[in-house]
N, C-alpha and C. Protein backbone atom coordinates (compact mmCIF):
# COMPACT_ATOMS: atom_id res chain seq x y z
N UNK A 1 121.69 91.61 92.59
CA UNK A 1 121.96 91.07 93.85
C UNK A 1 120.59 90.57 94.48
N UNK A 2 120.58 89.41 94.99
CA UNK A 2 119.37 88.80 95.61
C UNK A 2 118.98 89.36 96.97
N UNK A 3 117.80 89.06 97.31
CA UNK A 3 117.39 89.73 98.71
C UNK A 3 118.26 89.12 99.73
N UNK A 4 118.76 87.79 99.80
CA UNK A 4 119.61 87.42 100.80
C UNK A 4 120.89 88.34 100.99
N UNK A 5 121.47 88.49 99.76
CA UNK A 5 122.63 89.24 99.71
C UNK A 5 122.53 90.82 100.10
N UNK A 6 121.32 91.30 99.84
CA UNK A 6 120.98 92.66 100.22
C UNK A 6 120.76 92.89 101.71
N UNK A 7 120.17 91.80 102.18
CA UNK A 7 119.96 91.86 103.75
C UNK A 7 121.20 91.74 104.48
N UNK A 8 122.10 90.77 104.02
CA UNK A 8 123.48 90.55 104.62
C UNK A 8 124.19 91.98 104.47
N UNK A 9 124.16 92.41 103.22
CA UNK A 9 125.02 93.98 103.31
C UNK A 9 124.37 94.94 104.27
N UNK A 10 123.22 94.93 104.38
CA UNK A 10 122.51 95.88 105.22
C UNK A 10 122.88 95.60 106.68
N UNK A 11 122.95 94.34 107.03
CA UNK A 11 123.22 94.00 108.29
C UNK A 11 124.83 94.52 108.62
N UNK A 12 125.66 94.22 107.51
CA UNK A 12 127.02 94.53 107.89
C UNK A 12 127.16 96.22 108.04
N UNK A 13 126.36 96.88 107.02
CA UNK A 13 126.42 98.51 107.12
C UNK A 13 125.94 98.88 108.54
N UNK A 14 124.92 98.45 108.94
CA UNK A 14 124.35 98.77 110.30
C UNK A 14 125.53 98.36 111.46
N UNK A 15 126.09 97.21 111.21
CA UNK A 15 127.04 96.74 112.43
C UNK A 15 128.22 97.89 112.39
N UNK A 16 128.71 98.22 111.18
CA UNK A 16 129.75 99.30 111.22
C UNK A 16 129.31 100.58 111.78
N UNK A 17 127.97 100.97 111.31
CA UNK A 17 127.55 102.22 111.95
C UNK A 17 127.53 102.19 113.35
N UNK A 18 127.08 101.17 114.00
CA UNK A 18 126.95 100.98 115.58
C UNK A 18 128.32 101.13 116.08
N UNK A 19 129.29 100.45 115.46
CA UNK A 19 130.68 100.45 115.99
C UNK A 19 131.38 101.88 115.89
N UNK A 20 130.85 102.71 115.07
CA UNK A 20 131.25 104.09 115.11
C UNK A 20 130.90 104.86 116.27
N UNK A 21 129.98 104.41 117.09
CA UNK A 21 129.59 105.13 118.22
C UNK A 21 130.09 104.35 119.51
N UNK A 22 130.36 105.21 120.64
CA UNK A 22 130.95 104.65 121.80
C UNK A 22 129.68 104.09 122.64
N UNK A 23 129.97 103.15 123.53
CA UNK A 23 128.93 102.51 124.41
C UNK A 23 128.09 103.62 124.97
N UNK A 24 128.86 104.81 125.51
CA UNK A 24 128.13 105.93 126.15
C UNK A 24 127.16 106.62 125.19
N UNK A 25 127.51 106.86 124.02
CA UNK A 25 126.70 107.35 122.96
C UNK A 25 125.36 106.61 122.60
N UNK A 26 125.61 105.17 122.54
CA UNK A 26 124.58 104.37 122.26
C UNK A 26 123.51 104.22 123.48
N UNK A 27 124.06 104.45 124.66
CA UNK A 27 123.25 104.43 125.96
C UNK A 27 122.39 105.79 125.82
N UNK A 28 122.96 106.64 125.53
CA UNK A 28 122.33 108.05 125.53
C UNK A 28 121.25 107.98 124.43
N UNK A 29 121.54 107.36 123.04
CA UNK A 29 120.47 107.25 122.32
C UNK A 29 119.34 106.38 122.80
N UNK A 30 119.79 105.36 123.48
CA UNK A 30 118.84 104.46 123.97
C UNK A 30 117.84 105.16 124.88
N UNK A 31 118.35 105.94 125.84
CA UNK A 31 117.52 106.83 126.77
C UNK A 31 116.48 107.64 126.02
N UNK A 32 117.04 108.21 124.95
CA UNK A 32 116.21 109.11 123.94
C UNK A 32 114.85 108.24 123.46
N UNK A 33 115.21 106.99 122.94
CA UNK A 33 114.29 106.03 122.44
C UNK A 33 113.41 105.68 123.50
N UNK A 34 113.84 105.17 124.55
CA UNK A 34 112.98 104.81 125.69
C UNK A 34 112.00 105.84 126.27
N UNK A 35 112.49 107.07 126.43
CA UNK A 35 111.62 108.13 126.88
C UNK A 35 110.61 108.46 125.74
N UNK A 36 110.88 108.23 124.56
CA UNK A 36 109.70 108.45 123.41
C UNK A 36 108.66 107.26 123.75
N UNK A 37 109.25 106.04 123.84
CA UNK A 37 108.32 104.87 124.00
C UNK A 37 107.31 105.13 125.12
N UNK A 38 107.95 105.51 126.29
CA UNK A 38 107.25 105.77 127.61
C UNK A 38 106.07 106.79 127.26
N UNK A 39 106.07 107.65 126.48
CA UNK A 39 105.05 108.61 126.08
C UNK A 39 103.96 108.01 125.32
N UNK A 40 104.00 107.01 124.67
CA UNK A 40 103.08 106.33 123.78
C UNK A 40 101.95 105.72 124.58
N UNK A 41 100.79 105.91 124.06
CA UNK A 41 99.49 105.40 124.83
C UNK A 41 99.62 103.92 124.83
N UNK A 42 100.09 103.21 123.78
CA UNK A 42 99.97 101.87 123.79
C UNK A 42 100.96 101.32 124.94
N UNK A 43 101.90 101.97 125.29
CA UNK A 43 102.78 101.53 126.42
C UNK A 43 102.20 101.91 127.66
N UNK A 44 101.76 103.00 127.74
CA UNK A 44 101.05 103.44 128.98
C UNK A 44 100.02 102.48 129.47
N UNK A 45 99.21 102.09 128.55
CA UNK A 45 97.99 101.38 128.86
C UNK A 45 98.32 99.62 129.09
N UNK A 46 99.53 99.32 128.51
CA UNK A 46 99.86 97.94 128.60
C UNK A 46 100.12 97.43 129.91
N UNK A 47 99.73 96.28 130.30
CA UNK A 47 99.70 95.58 131.71
C UNK A 47 100.79 94.47 131.44
N UNK A 48 100.71 93.73 130.26
CA UNK A 48 101.65 92.50 130.12
C UNK A 48 102.40 92.94 128.79
N UNK A 49 103.75 93.06 128.96
CA UNK A 49 104.56 93.48 127.75
C UNK A 49 105.53 92.32 127.58
N UNK A 50 105.66 91.94 126.24
CA UNK A 50 106.73 91.11 125.84
C UNK A 50 107.81 91.98 125.22
N UNK A 51 108.92 92.12 125.86
CA UNK A 51 109.98 92.80 125.65
C UNK A 51 111.22 91.96 125.23
N UNK A 52 112.39 92.63 125.40
CA UNK A 52 113.62 91.77 125.01
C UNK A 52 114.71 92.42 126.02
N UNK A 53 115.61 91.67 126.48
CA UNK A 53 116.65 92.08 127.37
C UNK A 53 117.89 92.37 126.34
N UNK A 54 118.18 93.54 126.25
CA UNK A 54 119.08 94.06 125.10
C UNK A 54 120.53 93.46 125.18
N UNK A 55 121.12 93.21 123.92
CA UNK A 55 122.60 92.98 123.80
C UNK A 55 123.23 94.35 123.59
N UNK A 56 124.45 94.44 123.62
CA UNK A 56 125.24 95.82 123.93
C UNK A 56 124.84 96.68 122.58
N UNK A 57 124.65 96.05 121.41
CA UNK A 57 124.53 96.87 120.31
C UNK A 57 122.98 97.22 120.00
N UNK A 58 122.13 97.03 120.89
CA UNK A 58 120.66 97.26 120.74
C UNK A 58 120.27 98.29 121.66
N UNK A 59 119.02 98.89 121.37
CA UNK A 59 118.51 99.94 122.29
C UNK A 59 118.43 99.30 123.70
N UNK A 60 119.15 99.79 124.66
CA UNK A 60 119.13 99.30 125.98
C UNK A 60 118.09 99.35 126.65
N UNK A 61 117.40 98.08 127.22
CA UNK A 61 116.05 97.80 127.71
C UNK A 61 116.30 97.49 129.27
N UNK A 62 117.52 97.33 129.72
CA UNK A 62 117.70 96.74 131.08
C UNK A 62 117.04 97.80 132.23
N UNK A 63 117.42 99.00 132.19
CA UNK A 63 117.06 99.93 133.27
C UNK A 63 115.51 100.15 133.10
N UNK A 64 114.96 100.24 131.82
CA UNK A 64 113.59 100.41 131.59
C UNK A 64 112.75 99.31 132.31
N UNK A 65 113.17 97.98 132.05
CA UNK A 65 112.47 96.83 132.46
C UNK A 65 112.48 96.94 133.99
N UNK A 66 113.58 97.21 134.62
CA UNK A 66 113.74 97.26 136.09
C UNK A 66 112.85 98.45 136.55
N UNK A 67 112.70 99.76 135.90
CA UNK A 67 111.91 100.79 136.29
C UNK A 67 110.41 100.45 136.36
N UNK A 68 109.95 99.56 135.41
CA UNK A 68 108.48 99.38 135.23
C UNK A 68 108.07 97.99 135.81
N UNK A 69 109.11 97.20 136.19
CA UNK A 69 108.71 95.64 136.54
C UNK A 69 107.67 95.44 137.58
N UNK A 70 107.66 96.52 138.48
CA UNK A 70 106.61 96.40 139.55
C UNK A 70 105.12 96.88 139.10
N UNK A 71 105.15 97.73 138.06
CA UNK A 71 103.81 98.17 137.45
C UNK A 71 103.29 97.34 136.40
N UNK A 72 104.16 96.55 135.67
CA UNK A 72 103.92 95.89 134.47
C UNK A 72 104.37 94.46 134.53
N UNK A 73 103.81 93.47 133.94
CA UNK A 73 104.39 92.22 133.82
C UNK A 73 105.28 92.04 132.52
N UNK A 74 106.47 91.77 132.77
CA UNK A 74 107.27 91.60 131.54
C UNK A 74 107.63 90.28 131.11
N UNK A 75 107.42 89.87 129.91
CA UNK A 75 107.83 88.57 129.36
C UNK A 75 108.94 88.82 128.55
N UNK A 76 110.07 87.80 128.53
CA UNK A 76 111.25 88.08 127.83
C UNK A 76 111.33 86.75 126.99
N UNK A 77 111.93 86.78 125.86
CA UNK A 77 112.13 85.57 124.85
C UNK A 77 113.31 84.84 125.41
N UNK A 78 113.19 83.48 125.17
CA UNK A 78 114.32 82.60 125.57
C UNK A 78 114.46 81.56 124.34
N UNK A 79 115.67 81.42 123.79
CA UNK A 79 115.79 80.51 122.60
C UNK A 79 115.71 79.13 123.24
N UNK A 80 114.97 78.30 122.75
CA UNK A 80 114.90 76.90 123.22
C UNK A 80 114.55 75.95 121.83
N UNK A 81 115.57 75.09 121.59
CA UNK A 81 115.44 74.24 120.44
C UNK A 81 115.13 75.04 119.02
N UNK A 82 115.72 76.15 119.01
CA UNK A 82 115.60 76.90 117.75
C UNK A 82 114.43 77.86 117.63
N UNK A 83 113.60 77.92 118.70
CA UNK A 83 112.50 78.61 118.59
C UNK A 83 112.43 79.56 119.94
N UNK A 84 111.60 80.58 119.89
CA UNK A 84 111.52 81.43 121.05
C UNK A 84 110.38 81.09 121.89
N UNK A 85 110.63 80.78 123.23
CA UNK A 85 109.64 80.61 124.16
C UNK A 85 109.79 81.88 125.18
N UNK A 86 108.64 82.07 125.70
CA UNK A 86 108.51 83.21 126.81
C UNK A 86 108.57 82.95 128.18
N UNK A 87 109.27 83.70 128.90
CA UNK A 87 109.19 83.46 130.39
C UNK A 87 109.19 84.96 130.99
N UNK A 88 108.59 84.86 132.36
CA UNK A 88 108.30 86.17 133.00
C UNK A 88 109.58 86.59 133.67
N UNK A 89 109.82 88.01 133.48
CA UNK A 89 110.87 88.58 134.20
C UNK A 89 110.52 88.71 135.49
N UNK A 90 111.34 88.38 136.45
CA UNK A 90 111.05 88.50 137.83
C UNK A 90 112.08 89.55 138.44
N UNK A 91 113.33 89.48 138.21
CA UNK A 91 114.45 90.28 138.73
C UNK A 91 115.69 90.05 138.02
N UNK A 92 116.56 90.94 138.09
CA UNK A 92 117.91 90.93 137.48
C UNK A 92 118.58 89.64 137.88
N UNK A 93 118.36 89.25 139.22
CA UNK A 93 118.99 88.16 139.87
C UNK A 93 118.49 86.85 139.46
N UNK A 94 117.30 86.85 138.74
CA UNK A 94 116.70 85.50 138.42
C UNK A 94 116.94 85.27 136.87
N UNK A 95 118.10 85.71 136.42
CA UNK A 95 118.41 85.62 135.02
C UNK A 95 119.76 84.73 134.88
N UNK A 96 119.70 83.97 133.74
CA UNK A 96 121.05 83.35 133.55
C UNK A 96 121.47 83.68 132.13
N UNK A 97 122.74 83.43 131.81
CA UNK A 97 123.29 83.78 130.53
C UNK A 97 123.13 82.67 129.56
N UNK A 98 122.63 82.87 128.37
CA UNK A 98 122.43 81.75 127.32
C UNK A 98 123.69 81.50 126.61
N UNK A 99 123.60 80.62 125.69
CA UNK A 99 124.64 80.19 124.96
C UNK A 99 125.01 81.33 123.86
N UNK A 100 124.05 82.22 123.57
CA UNK A 100 124.11 83.34 122.78
C UNK A 100 124.84 84.59 123.57
N UNK A 101 124.98 84.53 124.86
CA UNK A 101 125.43 85.56 125.64
C UNK A 101 124.36 86.62 126.09
N UNK A 102 123.04 86.23 125.95
CA UNK A 102 121.95 86.93 126.26
C UNK A 102 121.54 86.56 127.66
N UNK A 103 121.21 87.49 128.46
CA UNK A 103 120.61 87.19 129.80
C UNK A 103 119.26 86.85 129.60
N UNK A 104 118.72 85.81 130.14
CA UNK A 104 117.33 85.22 130.07
C UNK A 104 116.70 84.84 131.35
N UNK A 105 115.43 85.09 131.47
CA UNK A 105 114.86 84.57 132.74
C UNK A 105 114.86 83.13 132.94
N UNK A 106 114.85 82.67 134.17
CA UNK A 106 114.67 81.28 134.43
C UNK A 106 113.38 81.11 134.94
N UNK A 107 112.93 79.92 135.05
CA UNK A 107 111.58 79.60 135.58
C UNK A 107 110.69 79.07 134.49
N UNK A 108 109.32 79.14 134.77
CA UNK A 108 108.43 78.38 133.88
C UNK A 108 108.25 79.19 132.60
N UNK A 109 107.86 78.38 131.59
CA UNK A 109 107.53 78.86 130.35
C UNK A 109 106.13 79.62 130.40
N UNK A 110 105.92 80.67 129.85
CA UNK A 110 104.64 81.40 129.66
C UNK A 110 103.81 80.52 128.49
N UNK A 111 102.75 79.96 128.89
CA UNK A 111 101.98 79.12 127.98
C UNK A 111 101.43 79.88 126.76
N UNK A 112 101.65 79.38 125.57
CA UNK A 112 101.16 79.80 124.35
C UNK A 112 99.79 79.98 124.48
N UNK A 113 98.92 79.18 125.25
CA UNK A 113 97.49 79.51 125.36
C UNK A 113 97.23 80.75 126.01
N UNK A 114 98.16 81.43 126.66
CA UNK A 114 97.86 82.74 127.39
C UNK A 114 98.52 83.98 126.59
N UNK A 115 98.86 83.65 125.40
CA UNK A 115 99.52 84.77 124.53
C UNK A 115 98.46 85.87 124.31
N UNK A 116 97.21 85.71 124.39
CA UNK A 116 96.19 86.67 124.25
C UNK A 116 96.22 87.68 125.40
N UNK A 117 96.91 87.38 126.42
CA UNK A 117 96.95 88.46 127.65
C UNK A 117 98.08 89.45 127.30
N UNK A 118 98.97 89.22 126.29
CA UNK A 118 99.94 90.24 126.00
C UNK A 118 99.36 91.51 125.38
N UNK A 119 99.57 92.58 126.13
CA UNK A 119 99.06 93.91 125.57
C UNK A 119 100.07 94.52 124.38
N UNK A 120 101.36 94.34 124.48
CA UNK A 120 102.29 95.04 123.77
C UNK A 120 103.46 94.10 123.45
N UNK A 121 104.06 94.07 122.35
CA UNK A 121 105.32 93.37 121.96
C UNK A 121 106.33 94.51 121.64
N UNK A 122 107.48 94.46 122.20
CA UNK A 122 108.62 95.38 121.85
C UNK A 122 109.54 94.41 121.04
N UNK A 123 109.96 94.81 120.00
CA UNK A 123 110.69 93.99 119.16
C UNK A 123 111.95 94.58 118.65
N UNK A 124 113.15 94.10 118.83
CA UNK A 124 114.43 94.52 118.49
C UNK A 124 114.64 94.23 116.95
N UNK A 125 115.55 94.73 116.33
CA UNK A 125 115.93 94.51 114.84
C UNK A 125 117.09 95.16 114.40
N UNK A 126 117.60 94.84 113.26
CA UNK A 126 118.75 95.47 112.61
C UNK A 126 118.41 96.84 111.91
N UNK A 127 117.50 96.62 111.08
CA UNK A 127 117.03 97.87 110.27
C UNK A 127 115.48 97.82 110.15
N UNK A 128 114.83 99.04 109.74
CA UNK A 128 113.42 99.21 109.62
C UNK A 128 113.23 100.05 108.54
N UNK A 129 112.07 100.08 108.03
CA UNK A 129 111.70 101.19 106.90
C UNK A 129 110.38 101.98 107.30
N UNK A 130 110.16 102.85 106.56
CA UNK A 130 108.97 103.80 106.82
C UNK A 130 107.66 103.23 106.54
N UNK A 131 107.84 101.84 105.86
CA UNK A 131 106.45 101.23 105.60
C UNK A 131 106.42 100.07 106.70
N UNK A 132 107.15 100.17 107.88
CA UNK A 132 107.08 99.31 108.94
C UNK A 132 107.57 97.91 108.76
N UNK A 133 108.42 97.70 107.71
CA UNK A 133 109.31 96.51 107.56
C UNK A 133 110.40 96.47 108.57
N UNK A 134 110.74 95.11 108.91
CA UNK A 134 111.82 94.91 109.99
C UNK A 134 112.83 93.93 109.41
N UNK A 135 114.05 94.28 109.39
CA UNK A 135 115.08 93.14 109.18
C UNK A 135 115.77 92.84 110.59
N UNK A 136 115.71 91.42 110.91
CA UNK A 136 116.25 91.00 111.98
C UNK A 136 117.71 90.52 111.69
N UNK A 137 118.20 89.62 112.65
CA UNK A 137 119.54 89.19 112.55
C UNK A 137 119.65 87.94 111.59
N UNK A 138 118.56 87.41 111.06
CA UNK A 138 118.59 86.45 110.12
C UNK A 138 118.26 85.05 110.39
N UNK A 139 117.85 84.95 111.76
CA UNK A 139 117.52 83.55 112.22
C UNK A 139 116.02 83.21 112.21
N UNK A 140 115.32 84.32 112.01
CA UNK A 140 113.83 84.14 111.84
C UNK A 140 113.03 83.85 113.10
N UNK A 141 113.73 83.95 114.30
CA UNK A 141 112.95 83.66 115.55
C UNK A 141 111.75 84.67 115.68
N UNK A 142 111.88 85.87 115.40
CA UNK A 142 110.69 86.80 115.68
C UNK A 142 109.59 86.54 114.59
N UNK A 143 110.14 86.28 113.31
CA UNK A 143 109.02 86.01 112.40
C UNK A 143 108.36 84.83 112.68
N UNK A 144 108.78 83.99 113.24
CA UNK A 144 108.00 82.66 113.66
C UNK A 144 107.20 82.85 114.84
N UNK A 145 107.61 83.75 115.87
CA UNK A 145 106.94 83.95 117.16
C UNK A 145 105.64 85.02 116.99
N UNK A 146 106.06 86.02 116.31
CA UNK A 146 105.01 87.21 116.24
C UNK A 146 103.68 86.84 115.60
N UNK A 147 103.50 86.07 114.57
CA UNK A 147 102.21 85.68 114.03
C UNK A 147 101.22 84.99 115.24
N UNK A 148 101.89 84.53 116.35
CA UNK A 148 101.14 83.90 117.32
C UNK A 148 100.46 84.84 118.28
N UNK A 149 100.91 86.10 118.22
CA UNK A 149 100.64 87.14 119.12
C UNK A 149 99.79 88.25 118.39
N UNK A 150 98.60 88.50 119.03
CA UNK A 150 97.75 89.53 118.45
C UNK A 150 98.06 90.97 118.85
N UNK A 151 98.78 91.14 119.93
CA UNK A 151 99.17 92.46 120.54
C UNK A 151 99.91 93.26 119.36
N UNK A 152 99.77 94.64 119.57
CA UNK A 152 100.62 95.49 118.65
C UNK A 152 102.06 95.22 118.75
N UNK A 153 102.78 95.28 117.66
CA UNK A 153 104.22 94.95 117.55
C UNK A 153 104.87 96.30 117.44
N UNK A 154 105.69 96.77 118.39
CA UNK A 154 106.41 98.04 118.39
C UNK A 154 107.95 97.75 118.30
N UNK A 155 108.47 98.38 117.21
CA UNK A 155 110.03 98.10 117.18
C UNK A 155 110.67 99.36 117.95
N UNK A 156 111.76 99.08 118.58
CA UNK A 156 112.48 100.26 118.94
C UNK A 156 113.82 100.28 118.43
N UNK A 157 114.45 101.37 117.99
CA UNK A 157 115.70 101.41 117.26
C UNK A 157 116.36 102.84 117.40
N UNK A 158 117.55 102.83 116.92
CA UNK A 158 118.30 104.11 116.89
C UNK A 158 117.75 104.78 115.50
N UNK A 159 117.89 106.12 115.45
CA UNK A 159 117.41 106.85 114.16
C UNK A 159 118.24 106.18 112.93
N UNK A 160 119.50 105.93 113.07
CA UNK A 160 120.22 105.41 111.90
C UNK A 160 119.92 104.09 111.50
N UNK A 161 118.87 103.32 112.13
CA UNK A 161 118.54 102.10 111.69
C UNK A 161 117.20 102.14 110.82
N UNK A 162 116.67 103.35 110.50
CA UNK A 162 115.44 103.53 109.77
C UNK A 162 115.74 104.03 108.31
N UNK A 163 115.29 103.45 107.42
CA UNK A 163 115.46 103.71 105.98
C UNK A 163 114.01 104.00 105.30
N UNK A 164 114.17 104.39 104.00
CA UNK A 164 112.96 104.53 103.19
C UNK A 164 112.38 103.32 102.93
N UNK A 165 113.38 102.34 102.42
CA UNK A 165 112.99 100.77 102.19
C UNK A 165 114.10 100.08 102.46
N UNK A 166 113.80 98.83 102.75
CA UNK A 166 114.77 97.79 103.20
C UNK A 166 114.32 96.64 102.29
N UNK A 167 115.25 95.68 102.23
CA UNK A 167 114.87 94.34 101.50
C UNK A 167 114.00 93.54 102.30
N UNK A 168 112.98 92.96 101.77
CA UNK A 168 111.85 92.23 102.34
C UNK A 168 111.58 90.90 101.68
N UNK A 169 111.59 89.83 102.54
CA UNK A 169 111.16 88.46 102.12
C UNK A 169 109.78 88.24 102.40
N UNK A 170 109.09 87.29 101.72
CA UNK A 170 107.79 86.78 102.20
C UNK A 170 108.11 86.05 103.53
N UNK A 171 107.09 86.23 104.47
CA UNK A 171 107.34 85.83 105.72
C UNK A 171 107.90 86.81 106.83
N UNK A 172 108.43 87.96 106.33
CA UNK A 172 108.89 88.93 107.23
C UNK A 172 107.77 89.58 107.89
N UNK A 173 107.76 89.80 109.12
CA UNK A 173 106.59 90.33 109.79
C UNK A 173 106.71 91.88 109.93
N UNK A 174 105.72 92.60 109.51
CA UNK A 174 105.64 94.07 109.75
C UNK A 174 105.30 94.47 111.08
N UNK A 175 105.77 95.64 111.56
CA UNK A 175 105.61 96.22 112.74
C UNK A 175 104.31 97.08 112.69
N UNK A 176 103.74 97.43 113.90
CA UNK A 176 102.51 98.37 113.76
C UNK A 176 103.00 99.70 114.20
N UNK A 177 104.15 99.87 114.72
CA UNK A 177 104.90 101.08 115.26
C UNK A 177 106.26 100.99 115.33
N UNK A 178 106.97 101.88 114.88
CA UNK A 178 108.55 102.13 115.11
C UNK A 178 108.71 103.31 115.92
N UNK A 179 109.49 103.09 117.00
CA UNK A 179 109.89 104.31 117.80
C UNK A 179 111.41 104.28 117.80
N UNK A 180 111.77 105.52 117.33
CA UNK A 180 113.33 105.74 117.47
C UNK A 180 113.57 107.09 118.15
N UNK A 181 114.79 107.79 118.15
CA UNK A 181 114.95 108.80 118.90
C UNK A 181 114.12 109.97 118.61
N UNK A 182 114.02 110.29 117.51
CA UNK A 182 113.31 111.59 117.12
C UNK A 182 112.07 111.42 116.27
N UNK A 183 111.59 110.04 116.35
CA UNK A 183 110.35 109.91 115.51
C UNK A 183 109.62 108.72 115.77
N UNK A 184 108.30 108.70 115.67
CA UNK A 184 107.39 107.58 115.87
C UNK A 184 106.85 107.33 114.48
N UNK A 185 107.01 106.23 113.98
CA UNK A 185 106.42 105.82 112.59
C UNK A 185 105.27 104.87 112.88
N UNK A 186 103.97 105.17 112.50
CA UNK A 186 102.88 104.34 112.68
C UNK A 186 102.22 103.92 111.44
N UNK A 187 101.40 102.80 111.43
CA UNK A 187 100.72 102.33 110.22
C UNK A 187 99.51 103.34 109.85
């Protein structure tokens, strides 16, 4: 079985696992992950955070962003012509829903020339492994964006998304840290 097929099967396996939990259970798991993230020094010291506005099957970031948006500057990704651009999160009310069904900030694009100001990147994903590899949804958006940003890349996920090894392709970007409900994995 080739890497592409292995990745596809793992994505299907994780999707089935997520469906075995209620929305309430996933929200409870999310609170555990976020509580752990909040304790990390890298988050506490960050002033500019590139995060993501979660979909229903991801670690929920909505309340966390609202909780800290007056203390930290949050940037959120927006899909634009097949690439991710960054926009500043201002408020829940200043978001629109994308073609992908994801809430995204409106307003000016955060210039690539200022990516050096980002202190921390919070990355979603489908599966991760103990050597800090990440499996995304398969579009390569983050694998193209992340090399442009020098800040530490921290994945947040549920415990059941972490494996000893996952299939990896050349061009897949490793994380610096993975935070899940009961564990922090670092390089």
